Amino acid sequence: MQTVERYRLTFTDRGSSGAGVVTDEVIVERTDALGPGGNPVYSDPTGILRAEISPAGEVRMLATGVYQSPQAPRAEPLP
């Protein structure tokens, strides 16, 4: 099984003003690192957003700062 090099992560949250659902998308690329579960770690260009993604598409967000409280996004493999 070939490892995916890039994913689109989609985060969905209810707007704070009750204006409906807010969706953010971020493209992450594979790094040389492995996460706690032994799966590849993917990062956005800034290095702030990091995620371990299993071959089954399960996402584990990895905190890169003290006050982060990351939500689990939906992962979509990209060509």
C-alpha atoms as a PDB file:
ATOM      1  CA  MET A   1       0.000   0.000   0.000  1.00  0.00           C
ATOM      2  CA  GLN A   2       1.428   3.358  -1.055  1.00  0.00           C
ATOM      3  CA  THR A   3       1.432   6.179   1.482  1.00  0.00           C
ATOM      4  CA  VAL A   4      -0.540   9.292   0.548  1.00  0.00           C
ATOM      5  CA  GLU A   5       1.682  12.386   0.251  1.00  0.00           C
ATOM      6  CA  ARG A   6      -1.015  15.068   0.754  1.00  0.00           C
ATOM      7  CA  TYR A   7      -4.386  15.374   2.462  1.00  0.00           C
ATOM      8  CA  ARG A   8      -7.066  18.033   2.648  1.00  0.00           C
ATOM      9  CA  LEU A   9      -8.197  18.393   6.259  1.00  0.00           C
ATOM     10  CA  THR A  10     -11.681  19.843   6.710  1.00  0.00           C
ATOM     11  CA  PHE A  11     -12.615  21.347  10.072  1.00  0.00           C
ATOM     12  CA  THR A  12     -16.283  22.091  10.778  1.00  0.00           C
ATOM     13  CA  ASP A  13     -17.503  24.192  13.692  1.00  0.00           C
ATOM     14  CA  ARG A  14     -20.630  26.087  14.642  1.00  0.00           C
ATOM     15  CA  GLY A  15     -20.145  29.828  14.310  1.00  0.00           C
ATOM     16  CA  SER A  16     -19.820  31.703  17.602  1.00  0.00           C
ATOM     17  CA  SER A  17     -22.567  34.156  16.651  1.00  0.00           C
ATOM     18  CA  GLY A  18     -25.011  31.410  15.688  1.00  0.00           C
ATOM     19  CA  ALA A  19     -24.498  32.264  12.017  1.00  0.00           C
ATOM     20  CA  GLY A  20     -24.392  28.614  11.031  1.00  0.00           C
ATOM     21  CA  VAL A  21     -21.586  26.191  10.320  1.00  0.00           C
ATOM     22  CA  VAL A  22     -18.056  27.412   9.616  1.00  0.00           C
ATOM     23  CA  THR A  23     -15.785  25.201   7.504  1.00  0.00           C
ATOM     24  CA  ASP A  24     -12.015  25.584   7.175  1.00  0.00           C
ATOM     25  CA  GLU A  25      -9.820  23.522   4.871  1.00  0.00           C
ATOM     26  CA  VAL A  26      -6.063  23.053   5.146  1.00  0.00           C
ATOM     27  CA  ILE A  27      -3.719  21.115   2.861  1.00  0.00           C
ATOM     28  CA  VAL A  28      -1.081  19.098   4.722  1.00  0.00           C
ATOM     29  CA  GLU A  29       1.928  17.251   3.312  1.00  0.00           C
ATOM     30  CA  ARG A  30       3.726  14.195   4.614  1.00  0.00           C
ATOM     31  CA  THR A  31       6.804  14.755   6.768  1.00  0.00           C
ATOM     32  CA  ASP A  32       9.580  12.310   7.694  1.00  0.00           C
ATOM     33  CA  ALA A  33       8.182  12.005  11.233  1.00  0.00           C
ATOM     34  CA  LEU A  34       6.003   9.245  12.652  1.00  0.00           C
ATOM     35  CA  GLY A  35       3.297   9.903  15.247  1.00  0.00           C
ATOM     36  CA  PRO A  36       2.622   8.095  18.539  1.00  0.00           C
ATOM     37  CA  GLY A  37       0.633   5.416  16.673  1.00  0.00           C
ATOM     38  CA  GLY A  38       3.473   4.761  14.210  1.00  0.00           C
ATOM     39  CA  ASN A  39       1.697   6.439  11.284  1.00  0.00           C
ATOM     40  CA  PRO A  40       3.075   9.272   9.127  1.00  0.00           C
ATOM     41  CA  VAL A  41       2.800  12.840  10.397  1.00  0.00           C
ATOM     42  CA  TYR A  42       1.476  15.486   8.003  1.00  0.00           C
ATOM     43  CA  SER A  43       2.004  19.240   8.407  1.00  0.00           C
ATOM     44  CA  ASP A  44       0.773  22.489   6.905  1.00  0.00           C
ATOM     45  CA  PRO A  45       3.425  24.854   5.430  1.00  0.00           C
ATOM     46  CA  THR A  46       3.727  26.795   8.717  1.00  0.00           C
ATOM     47  CA  GLY A  47       4.352  23.660  10.815  1.00  0.00           C
ATOM     48  CA  ILE A  48       1.705  24.795  13.299  1.00  0.00           C
ATOM     49  CA  LEU A  49      -0.927  22.277  12.225  1.00  0.00           C
ATOM     50  CA  ARG A  50       0.337  18.686  12.493  1.00  0.00           C
ATOM     51  CA  ALA A  51      -1.665  15.474  12.220  1.00  0.00           C
ATOM     52  CA  GLU A  52      -0.932  11.762  12.349  1.00  0.00           C
ATOM     53  CA  ILE A  53      -3.052  10.047   9.680  1.00  0.00           C
ATOM     54  CA  SER A  54      -3.488   6.276   9.490  1.00  0.00           C
ATOM     55  CA  PRO A  55      -3.897   4.368   6.196  1.00  0.00           C
ATOM     56  CA  ALA A  56      -7.617   4.054   7.095  1.00  0.00           C
ATOM     57  CA  GLY A  57      -7.913   7.879   7.209  1.00  0.00           C
ATOM     58  CA  GLU A  58      -8.118   8.150  11.006  1.00  0.00           C
ATOM     59  CA  VAL A  59      -6.747  11.515  12.119  1.00  0.00           C
ATOM     60  CA  ARG A  60      -4.960  12.281  15.382  1.00  0.00           C
ATOM     61  CA  MET A  61      -4.192  15.973  15.743  1.00  0.00           C
ATOM     62  CA  LEU A  62      -0.824  16.702  17.360  1.00  0.00           C
ATOM     63  CA  ALA A  63      -0.583  19.810  19.531  1.00  0.00           C
ATOM     64  CA  THR A  64       2.335  22.085  18.649  1.00  0.00           C
ATOM     65  CA  GLY A  65       1.656  24.706  21.310  1.00  0.00           C
ATOM     66  CA  VAL A  66       0.690  24.905  24.955  1.00  0.00           C
ATOM     67  CA  TYR A  67      -2.837  26.295  24.591  1.00  0.00           C
ATOM     68  CA  GLN A  68      -4.024  24.289  21.598  1.00  0.00           C
ATOM     69  CA  SER A  69      -7.193  22.241  21.787  1.00  0.00           C
ATOM     70  CA  PRO A  70      -7.382  20.705  18.315  1.00  0.00           C
ATOM     71  CA  GLN A  71     -10.573  19.207  16.917  1.00  0.00           C
ATOM     72  CA  ALA A  72     -10.607  16.087  14.758  1.00  0.00           C
ATOM     73  CA  PRO A  73     -11.057  16.983  11.080  1.00  0.00           C
ATOM     74  CA  ARG A  74     -12.168  14.912   8.119  1.00  0.00           C
ATOM     75  CA  ALA A  75      -9.205  13.808   5.938  1.00  0.00           C
ATOM     76  CA  GLU A  76      -9.420  13.518   2.158  1.00  0.00           C
ATOM     77  CA  PRO A  77      -6.414  12.110   0.244  1.00  0.00           C
ATOM     78  CA  LEU A  78      -5.181  14.288  -2.618  1.00  0.00           C
ATOM     79  CA  PRO A  79      -3.345  13.183  -5.773  1.00  0.00           C
END
